[in-house]
């Protein structure tokens, strides 16, 4: 037995189910069940993160060769983006 599942939002008294050509001439059972709405869970407020601790974690990924270039990176990026050509 093959089952067809279709989840739709009911906006009128009419539902269209496509792909029924192979069932022409056969009796089929159509069952309509409302989906259960998930309960909204209360989220715990996020703890504030100490920025100095995060810097320590990210330090391992720092590239000393690029640190000097970071000072002018924004200025150079804007010049390249908005340069008149």
PDB file of N, CA and C in Angstrom:
ATOM      1  N   UNK A   1       0.843  -1.168   0.000  1.00  0.00           N
ATOM      2  CA  UNK A   1       0.000   0.000   0.000  1.00  0.00           C
ATOM      3  C   UNK A   1       0.895   1.239   0.000  1.00  0.00           C
ATOM      4  N   UNK A   2       0.589   2.180  -0.847  1.00  0.00           N
ATOM      5  CA  UNK A   2       1.356   3.409  -0.970  1.00  0.00           C
ATOM      6  C   UNK A   2       0.554   4.555  -0.371  1.00  0.00           C
ATOM      7  N   UNK A   3       1.204   5.393   0.401  1.00  0.00           N
ATOM      8  CA  UNK A   3       0.526   6.526   1.032  1.00  0.00           C
ATOM      9  C   UNK A   3       1.058   7.828   0.448  1.00  0.00           C
ATOM     10  N   UNK A   4       0.194   8.805   0.367  1.00  0.00           N
ATOM     11  CA  UNK A   4       0.565  10.137  -0.097  1.00  0.00           C
ATOM     12  C   UNK A   4       0.323  11.090   1.060  1.00  0.00           C
ATOM     13  N   UNK A   5       1.331  11.866   1.408  1.00  0.00           N
ATOM     14  CA  UNK A   5       1.205  12.828   2.498  1.00  0.00           C
ATOM     15  C   UNK A   5       1.350  14.229   1.919  1.00  0.00           C
ATOM     16  N   UNK A   6       0.475  15.109   2.293  1.00  0.00           N
ATOM     17  CA  UNK A   6       0.520  16.484   1.814  1.00  0.00           C
ATOM     18  C   UNK A   6       0.164  17.398   2.973  1.00  0.00           C
ATOM     19  N   UNK A   7       1.064  18.307   3.326  1.00  0.00           N
ATOM     20  CA  UNK A   7       0.795  19.262   4.395  1.00  0.00           C
ATOM     21  C   UNK A   7       0.474  20.592   3.739  1.00  0.00           C
ATOM     22  N   UNK A   8      -0.705  21.107   4.007  1.00  0.00           N
ATOM     23  CA  UNK A   8      -1.161  22.353   3.400  1.00  0.00           C
ATOM     24  C   UNK A   8      -1.799  23.226   4.466  1.00  0.00           C
ATOM     25  N   UNK A   9      -1.815  24.509   4.216  1.00  0.00           N
ATOM     26  CA  UNK A   9      -2.522  25.436   5.081  1.00  0.00           C
ATOM     27  C   UNK A   9      -3.909  25.648   4.500  1.00  0.00           C
ATOM     28  N   UNK A  10      -4.916  25.435   5.291  1.00  0.00           N
ATOM     29  CA  UNK A  10      -6.293  25.562   4.815  1.00  0.00           C
ATOM     30  C   UNK A  10      -6.652  27.043   4.768  1.00  0.00           C
ATOM     31  N   UNK A  11      -6.986  27.506   3.556  1.00  0.00           N
ATOM     32  CA  UNK A  11      -7.384  28.898   3.378  1.00  0.00           C
ATOM     33  C   UNK A  11      -8.792  29.013   2.813  1.00  0.00           C
ATOM     34  N   UNK A  12      -9.405  27.871   2.477  1.00  0.00           N
ATOM     35  CA  UNK A  12     -10.777  27.881   1.956  1.00  0.00           C
ATOM     36  C   UNK A  12     -11.387  26.502   2.175  1.00  0.00           C
ATOM     37  N   UNK A  13     -12.568  26.296   1.616  1.00  0.00           N
ATOM     38  CA  UNK A  13     -13.240  24.996   1.742  1.00  0.00           C
ATOM     39  C   UNK A  13     -12.735  23.984   0.724  1.00  0.00           C
ATOM     40  N   UNK A  14     -11.763  24.338  -0.074  1.00  0.00           N
ATOM     41  CA  UNK A  14     -11.310  23.516  -1.188  1.00  0.00           C
ATOM     42  C   UNK A  14      -9.827  23.201  -1.018  1.00  0.00           C
ATOM     43  N   UNK A  15      -9.444  21.921  -1.098  1.00  0.00           N
ATOM     44  CA  UNK A  15      -8.040  21.506  -1.059  1.00  0.00           C
ATOM     45  C   UNK A  15      -7.701  20.822  -2.370  1.00  0.00           C
ATOM     46  N   UNK A  16      -6.538  21.135  -2.922  1.00  0.00           N
ATOM     47  CA  UNK A  16      -6.102  20.499  -4.161  1.00  0.00           C
ATOM     48  C   UNK A  16      -4.927  19.580  -3.841  1.00  0.00           C
ATOM     49  N   UNK A  17      -5.051  18.330  -4.219  1.00  0.00           N
ATOM     50  CA  UNK A  17      -3.985  17.354  -4.019  1.00  0.00           C
ATOM     51  C   UNK A  17      -3.538  16.901  -5.399  1.00  0.00           C
ATOM     52  N   UNK A  18      -2.304  17.192  -5.745  1.00  0.00           N
ATOM     53  CA  UNK A  18      -1.793  16.821  -7.061  1.00  0.00           C
ATOM     54  C   UNK A  18      -1.229  15.411  -7.036  1.00  0.00           C
ATOM     55  N   UNK A  19      -1.043  14.823  -8.209  1.00  0.00           N
ATOM     56  CA  UNK A  19      -0.443  13.497  -8.313  1.00  0.00           C
ATOM     57  C   UNK A  19      -1.426  12.364  -8.088  1.00  0.00           C
ATOM     58  N   UNK A  20      -2.694  12.597  -8.310  1.00  0.00           N
ATOM     59  CA  UNK A  20      -3.714  11.577  -8.056  1.00  0.00           C
ATOM     60  C   UNK A  20      -4.083  10.786  -9.311  1.00  0.00           C
ATOM     61  N   UNK A  21      -3.439  11.055 -10.442  1.00  0.00           N
ATOM     62  CA  UNK A  21      -3.782  10.402 -11.709  1.00  0.00           C
ATOM     63  C   UNK A  21      -3.700   8.876 -11.597  1.00  0.00           C
ATOM     64  N   UNK A  22      -2.723   8.363 -10.867  1.00  0.00           N
ATOM     65  CA  UNK A  22      -2.565   6.907 -10.776  1.00  0.00           C
ATOM     66  C   UNK A  22      -3.676   6.251  -9.953  1.00  0.00           C
ATOM     67  N   UNK A  23      -4.482   7.055  -9.264  1.00  0.00           N
ATOM     68  CA  UNK A  23      -5.570   6.513  -8.460  1.00  0.00           C
ATOM     69  C   UNK A  23      -6.929   6.647  -9.144  1.00  0.00           C
ATOM     70  N   UNK A  24      -6.972   7.131 -10.398  1.00  0.00           N
ATOM     71  CA  UNK A  24      -8.252   7.280 -11.111  1.00  0.00           C
ATOM     72  C   UNK A  24      -8.982   5.940 -11.134  1.00  0.00           C
ATOM     73  N   UNK A  25     -10.254   5.961 -10.809  1.00  0.00           N
ATOM     74  CA  UNK A  25     -11.078   4.757 -10.850  1.00  0.00           C
ATOM     75  C   UNK A  25     -10.986   3.903  -9.602  1.00  0.00           C
ATOM     76  N   UNK A  26     -10.154   4.288  -8.636  1.00  0.00           N
ATOM     77  CA  UNK A  26      -9.996   3.505  -7.414  1.00  0.00           C
ATOM     78  C   UNK A  26     -10.639   4.244  -6.244  1.00  0.00           C
ATOM     79  N   UNK A  27     -11.029   3.489  -5.246  1.00  0.00           N
ATOM     80  CA  UNK A  27     -11.500   4.112  -4.018  1.00  0.00           C
ATOM     81  C   UNK A  27     -10.284   4.446  -3.166  1.00  0.00           C
ATOM     82  N   UNK A  28     -10.255   5.652  -2.625  1.00  0.00           N
ATOM     83  CA  UNK A  28      -9.165   6.067  -1.746  1.00  0.00           C
ATOM     84  C   UNK A  28      -9.763   6.612  -0.456  1.00  0.00           C
ATOM     85  N   UNK A  29      -8.999   6.543   0.591  1.00  0.00           N
ATOM     86  CA  UNK A  29      -9.426   7.094   1.874  1.00  0.00           C
ATOM     87  C   UNK A  29      -8.635   8.370   2.114  1.00  0.00           C
ATOM     88  N   UNK A  30      -9.318   9.447   2.384  1.00  0.00           N
ATOM     89  CA  UNK A  30      -8.664  10.728   2.644  1.00  0.00           C
ATOM     90  C   UNK A  30      -8.888  11.061   4.115  1.00  0.00           C
ATOM     91  N   UNK A  31      -7.801  11.233   4.840  1.00  0.00           N
ATOM     92  CA  UNK A  31      -7.861  11.542   6.268  1.00  0.00           C
ATOM     93  C   UNK A  31      -7.235  12.921   6.461  1.00  0.00           C
ATOM     94  N   UNK A  32      -7.929  13.803   7.128  1.00  0.00           N
ATOM     95  CA  UNK A  32      -7.408  15.146   7.386  1.00  0.00           C
ATOM     96  C   UNK A  32      -7.215  15.285   8.890  1.00  0.00           C
ATOM     97  N   UNK A  33      -5.980  15.544   9.288  1.00  0.00           N
ATOM     98  CA  UNK A  33      -5.642  15.717  10.698  1.00  0.00           C
ATOM     99  C   UNK A  33      -4.962  17.067  10.875  1.00  0.00           C
ATOM    100  N   UNK A  34      -5.371  17.853  11.858  1.00  0.00           N
ATOM    101  CA  UNK A  34      -4.657  19.111  12.102  1.00  0.00           C
ATOM    102  C   UNK A  34      -3.297  18.806  12.734  1.00  0.00           C
ATOM    103  N   UNK A  35      -2.283  19.549  12.319  1.00  0.00           N
ATOM    104  CA  UNK A  35      -0.958  19.379  12.912  1.00  0.00           C
ATOM    105  C   UNK A  35      -0.956  19.992  14.299  1.00  0.00           C
ATOM    106  N   UNK A  36      -0.282  19.341  15.207  1.00  0.00           N
ATOM    107  CA  UNK A  36      -0.170  19.891  16.553  1.00  0.00           C
ATOM    108  C   UNK A  36       0.812  21.046  16.520  1.00  0.00           C
ATOM    109  N   UNK A  37       0.429  22.143  17.118  1.00  0.00           N
ATOM    110  CA  UNK A  37       1.311  23.297  17.190  1.00  0.00           C
ATOM    111  C   UNK A  37       2.304  23.071  18.324  1.00  0.00           C
ATOM    112  N   UNK A  38       3.593  23.247  18.047  1.00  0.00           N
ATOM    113  CA  UNK A  38       4.577  23.056  19.116  1.00  0.00           C
ATOM    114  C   UNK A  38       4.395  24.118  20.197  1.00  0.00           C
ATOM    115  N   UNK A  39       4.571  23.696  21.426  1.00  0.00           N
ATOM    116  CA  UNK A  39       4.460  24.640  22.535  1.00  0.00           C
ATOM    117  C   UNK A  39       5.637  25.598  22.485  1.00  0.00           C
ATOM    118  N   UNK A  40       5.355  26.855  22.725  1.00  0.00           N
ATOM    119  CA  UNK A  40       6.434  27.838  22.732  1.00  0.00           C
ATOM    120  C   UNK A  40       7.212  27.684  24.030  1.00  0.00           C
ATOM    121  N   UNK A  41       8.503  27.496  23.872  1.00  0.00           N
ATOM    122  CA  UNK A  41       9.352  27.336  25.040  1.00  0.00           C
ATOM    123  C   UNK A  41       9.915  28.693  25.432  1.00  0.00           C
ATOM    124  N   UNK A  42       9.958  28.933  26.705  1.00  0.00           N
ATOM    125  CA  UNK A  42      10.562  30.165  27.184  1.00  0.00           C
ATOM    126  C   UNK A  42      12.074  30.005  27.143  1.00  0.00           C
ATOM    127  N   UNK A  43      12.716  30.944  26.480  1.00  0.00           N
ATOM    128  CA  UNK A  43      14.168  30.874  26.380  1.00  0.00           C
ATOM    129  C   UNK A  43      14.798  31.529  27.596  1.00  0.00           C
ATOM    130  N   UNK A  44      15.857  30.914  28.053  1.00  0.00           N
ATOM    131  CA  UNK A  44      16.596  31.504  29.151  1.00  0.00           C
ATOM    132  C   UNK A  44      17.364  32.705  28.618  1.00  0.00           C
ATOM    133  N   UNK A  45      17.440  33.764  29.384  1.00  0.00           N
ATOM    134  CA  UNK A  45      18.236  34.902  28.914  1.00  0.00           C
ATOM    135  C   UNK A  45      19.700  34.489  28.795  1.00  0.00           C
ATOM    136  N   UNK A  46      20.318  34.933  27.718  1.00  0.00           N
ATOM    137  CA  UNK A  46      21.717  34.579  27.503  1.00  0.00           C
ATOM    138  C   UNK A  46      22.593  35.330  28.497  1.00  0.00           C
ATOM    139  N   UNK A  47      23.573  34.618  28.984  1.00  0.00           N
ATOM    140  CA  UNK A  47      24.497  35.248  29.910  1.00  0.00           C
ATOM    141  C   UNK A  47      25.390  36.193  29.131  1.00  0.00           C
ATOM    142  N   UNK A  48      25.716  37.302  29.747  1.00  0.00           N
ATOM    143  CA  UNK A  48      26.618  38.225  29.063  1.00  0.00           C
ATOM    144  C   UNK A  48      28.011  37.606  29.026  1.00  0.00           C
ATOM    145  N   UNK A  49      28.696  37.829  27.917  1.00  0.00           N
ATOM    146  CA  UNK A  49      30.016  37.240  27.716  1.00  0.00           C
ATOM    147  C   UNK A  49      31.070  38.302  27.967  1.00  0.00           C
ATOM    148  N   UNK A  50      32.046  37.958  28.740  1.00  0.00           N
ATOM    149  CA  UNK A  50      33.147  38.874  29.006  1.00  0.00           C
ATOM    150  C   UNK A  50      34.028  38.943  27.763  1.00  0.00           C
ATOM    151  N   UNK A  51      34.110  40.117  27.152  1.00  0.00           N
ATOM    152  CA  UNK A  51      34.837  40.292  25.897  1.00  0.00           C
ATOM    153  C   UNK A  51      36.310  39.948  26.055  1.00  0.00           C
ATOM    154  N   UNK A  52      36.884  40.233  27.180  1.00  0.00           N
ATOM    155  CA  UNK A  52      38.309  39.946  27.361  1.00  0.00           C
ATOM    156  C   UNK A  52      38.575  38.444  27.326  1.00  0.00           C
ATOM    157  N   UNK A  53      37.634  37.650  27.805  1.00  0.00           N
ATOM    158  CA  UNK A  53      37.803  36.196  27.734  1.00  0.00           C
ATOM    159  C   UNK A  53      37.736  35.718  26.292  1.00  0.00           C
ATOM    160  N   UNK A  54      36.830  36.292  25.514  1.00  0.00           N
ATOM    161  CA  UNK A  54      36.683  35.886  24.121  1.00  0.00           C
ATOM    162  C   UNK A  54      37.943  36.229  23.342  1.00  0.00           C
ATOM    163  N   UNK A  55      38.503  37.381  23.599  1.00  0.00           N
ATOM    164  CA  UNK A  55      39.747  37.750  22.913  1.00  0.00           C
ATOM    165  C   UNK A  55      40.824  36.699  23.156  1.00  0.00           C
ATOM    166  N   UNK A  56      40.872  36.197  24.359  1.00  0.00           N
ATOM    167  CA  UNK A  56      41.858  35.177  24.666  1.00  0.00           C
ATOM    168  C   UNK A  56      41.644  33.906  23.861  1.00  0.00           C
ATOM    169  N   UNK A  57      40.394  33.530  23.654  1.00  0.00           N
ATOM    170  CA  UNK A  57      40.094  32.337  22.868  1.00  0.00           C
ATOM    171  C   UNK A  57      40.467  32.531  21.407  1.00  0.00           C
ATOM    172  N   UNK A  58      40.234  33.714  20.886  1.00  0.00           N
ATOM    173  CA  UNK A  58      40.475  33.969  19.468  1.00  0.00           C
ATOM    174  C   UNK A  58      41.936  34.279  19.158  1.00  0.00           C
ATOM    175  N   UNK A  59      42.712  34.552  20.175  1.00  0.00           N
ATOM    176  CA  UNK A  59      44.113  34.904  19.961  1.00  0.00           C
ATOM    177  C   UNK A  59      44.875  33.805  19.212  1.00  0.00           C
ATOM    178  N   UNK A  60      44.506  32.571  19.427  1.00  0.00           N
ATOM    179  CA  UNK A  60      45.211  31.469  18.766  1.00  0.00           C
ATOM    180  C   UNK A  60      45.060  31.508  17.249  1.00  0.00           C
ATOM    181  N   UNK A  61      44.024  32.209  16.748  1.00  0.00           N
ATOM    182  CA  UNK A  61      43.800  32.285  15.311  1.00  0.00           C
ATOM    183  C   UNK A  61      44.414  33.542  14.691  1.00  0.00           C
ATOM    184  N   UNK A  62      44.994  34.381  15.480  1.00  0.00           N
ATOM    185  CA  UNK A  62      45.556  35.640  14.979  1.00  0.00           C
ATOM    186  C   UNK A  62      46.743  35.373  14.063  1.00  0.00           C
ATOM    187  N   UNK A  63      46.828  36.162  12.999  1.00  0.00           N
ATOM    188  CA  UNK A  63      47.947  36.076  12.067  1.00  0.00           C
ATOM    189  C   UNK A  63      48.769  37.353  12.229  1.00  0.00           C
ATOM    190  N   UNK A  64      49.918  37.277  12.914  1.00  0.00           N
ATOM    191  CA  UNK A  64      50.705  38.481  13.188  1.00  0.00           C
ATOM    192  C   UNK A  64      51.087  39.250  11.920  1.00  0.00           C
ATOM    193  N   UNK A  65      51.244  38.570  10.810  1.00  0.00           N
ATOM    194  CA  UNK A  65      51.630  39.246   9.573  1.00  0.00           C
ATOM    195  C   UNK A  65      50.513  40.161   9.071  1.00  0.00           C
ATOM    196  N   UNK A  66      49.276  39.853   9.403  1.00  0.00           N
ATOM    197  CA  UNK A  66      48.148  40.652   8.918  1.00  0.00           C
ATOM    198  C   UNK A  66      47.706  41.740   9.894  1.00  0.00           C
ATOM    199  N   UNK A  67      48.159  41.673  11.130  1.00  0.00           N
ATOM    200  CA  UNK A  67      47.718  42.634  12.139  1.00  0.00           C
ATOM    201  C   UNK A  67      48.077  44.057  11.729  1.00  0.00           C
ATOM    202  N   UNK A  68      49.256  44.262  11.183  1.00  0.00           N
ATOM    203  CA  UNK A  68      49.674  45.610  10.768  1.00  0.00           C
ATOM    204  C   UNK A  68      48.786  46.137   9.639  1.00  0.00           C
ATOM    205  N   UNK A  69      48.331  45.264   8.767  1.00  0.00           N
ATOM    206  CA  UNK A  69      47.494  45.694   7.642  1.00  0.00           C
ATOM    207  C   UNK A  69      46.063  46.028   8.069  1.00  0.00           C
ATOM    208  N   UNK A  70      45.649  45.556   9.232  1.00  0.00           N
ATOM    209  CA  UNK A  70      44.282  45.779   9.682  1.00  0.00           C
ATOM    210  C   UNK A  70      43.980  47.250   9.949  1.00  0.00           C
ATOM    211  N   UNK A  71      45.000  48.026  10.272  1.00  0.00           N
ATOM    212  CA  UNK A  71      44.784  49.436  10.595  1.00  0.00           C
ATOM    213  C   UNK A  71      44.148  50.190   9.432  1.00  0.00           C
ATOM    214  N   UNK A  72      44.581  49.904   8.214  1.00  0.00           N
ATOM    215  CA  UNK A  72      44.082  50.621   7.041  1.00  0.00           C
ATOM    216  C   UNK A  72      43.151  49.768   6.186  1.00  0.00           C
ATOM    217  N   UNK A  73      42.738  48.620   6.650  1.00  0.00           N
ATOM    218  CA  UNK A  73      41.947  47.701   5.832  1.00  0.00           C
ATOM    219  C   UNK A  73      40.616  48.315   5.404  1.00  0.00           C
ATOM    220  N   UNK A  74      39.914  48.978   6.313  1.00  0.00           N
ATOM    221  CA  UNK A  74      38.613  49.551   5.977  1.00  0.00           C
ATOM    222  C   UNK A  74      38.769  50.656   4.934  1.00  0.00           C
ATOM    223  N   UNK A  75      39.737  51.512   5.142  1.00  0.00           N
ATOM    224  CA  UNK A  75      39.966  52.623   4.214  1.00  0.00           C
ATOM    225  C   UNK A  75      40.309  52.097   2.816  1.00  0.00           C
ATOM    226  N   UNK A  76      41.161  51.099   2.743  1.00  0.00           N
ATOM    227  CA  UNK A  76      41.540  50.529   1.449  1.00  0.00           C
ATOM    228  C   UNK A  76      40.359  49.828   0.776  1.00  0.00           C
ATOM    229  N   UNK A  77      39.551  49.126   1.547  1.00  0.00           N
ATOM    230  CA  UNK A  77      38.397  48.426   0.982  1.00  0.00           C
ATOM    231  C   UNK A  77      37.404  49.417   0.387  1.00  0.00           C
ATOM    232  N   UNK A  78      37.189  50.545   1.064  1.00  0.00           N
ATOM    233  CA  UNK A  78      36.256  51.549   0.550  1.00  0.00           C
ATOM    234  C   UNK A  78      36.814  52.231  -0.698  1.00  0.00           C
ATOM    235  N   UNK A  79      38.124  52.457  -0.746  1.00  0.00           N
ATOM    236  CA  UNK A  79      38.736  53.047  -1.944  1.00  0.00           C
ATOM    237  C   UNK A  79      38.561  52.118  -3.139  1.00  0.00           C
ATOM    238  N   UNK A  80      38.787  50.812  -2.915  1.00  0.00           N
ATOM    239  CA  UNK A  80      38.650  49.845  -4.007  1.00  0.00           C
ATOM    240  C   UNK A  80      37.194  49.716  -4.449  1.00  0.00           C
ATOM    241  N   UNK A  81      36.288  49.711  -3.508  1.00  0.00           N
ATOM    242  CA  UNK A  81      34.879  49.526  -3.839  1.00  0.00           C
ATOM    243  C   UNK A  81      34.312  50.724  -4.593  1.00  0.00           C
ATOM    244  N   UNK A  82      34.687  51.925  -4.180  1.00  0.00           N
ATOM    245  CA  UNK A  82      34.087  53.129  -4.742  1.00  0.00           C
ATOM    246  C   UNK A  82      35.024  53.883  -5.682  1.00  0.00           C
ATOM    247  N   UNK A  83      36.054  53.220  -6.131  1.00  0.00           N
ATOM    248  CA  UNK A  83      37.007  53.884  -7.031  1.00  0.00           C
ATOM    249  C   UNK A  83      36.337  54.209  -8.359  1.00  0.00           C
ATOM    250  N   UNK A  84      36.642  55.365  -8.892  1.00  0.00           N
ATOM    251  CA  UNK A  84      36.120  55.766 -10.197  1.00  0.00           C
ATOM    252  C   UNK A  84      37.010  55.147 -11.252  1.00  0.00           C
ATOM    253  N   UNK A  85      36.393  54.415 -12.158  1.00  0.00           N
ATOM    254  CA  UNK A  85      37.177  53.716 -13.181  1.00  0.00           C
ATOM    255  C   UNK A  85      36.782  54.151 -14.538  1.00  0.00           C
TER     256      UNK A  85
END
